[in-house]
Amino acid sequence: MARAPRKSLTAEDLKKKLEAAKEALKALEKRAYAGEVTEAIKKSSIPAEFKKIKDSAKDVSDIAILEAIGNAVGIKRLVVSQTEVKKRASKK
């Protein structure tokens, strides 16, 4: 079986591949530093301060509090969402 020769990638194809690689790099960096960031947050006063804010504003959701914190520290276009709990398949 003869294979067709490969076609040369155009500039547009290369740009698409570059964008995909950048997204993959962002995801990898997020996973790589997740443990360090989590430990730093646990050791700081952030959890206690969040609890104080949550206790003082009883009717406000956690998501609204996190969005307000992001806005206060200058994170632009921050979107906080909460997904539903995935139901586990029943064992038969």
Foldseek 3Di string as FASTA:
>chain_A
DDDDDDDDDDPVNVVVVVVVVVVVVVVVVCVVCVVVVVVVCVPDCNVVVLVVVCVVCVVDDSQVVVVVVCVVVPNPPDHDDDDDDDDDDDDD
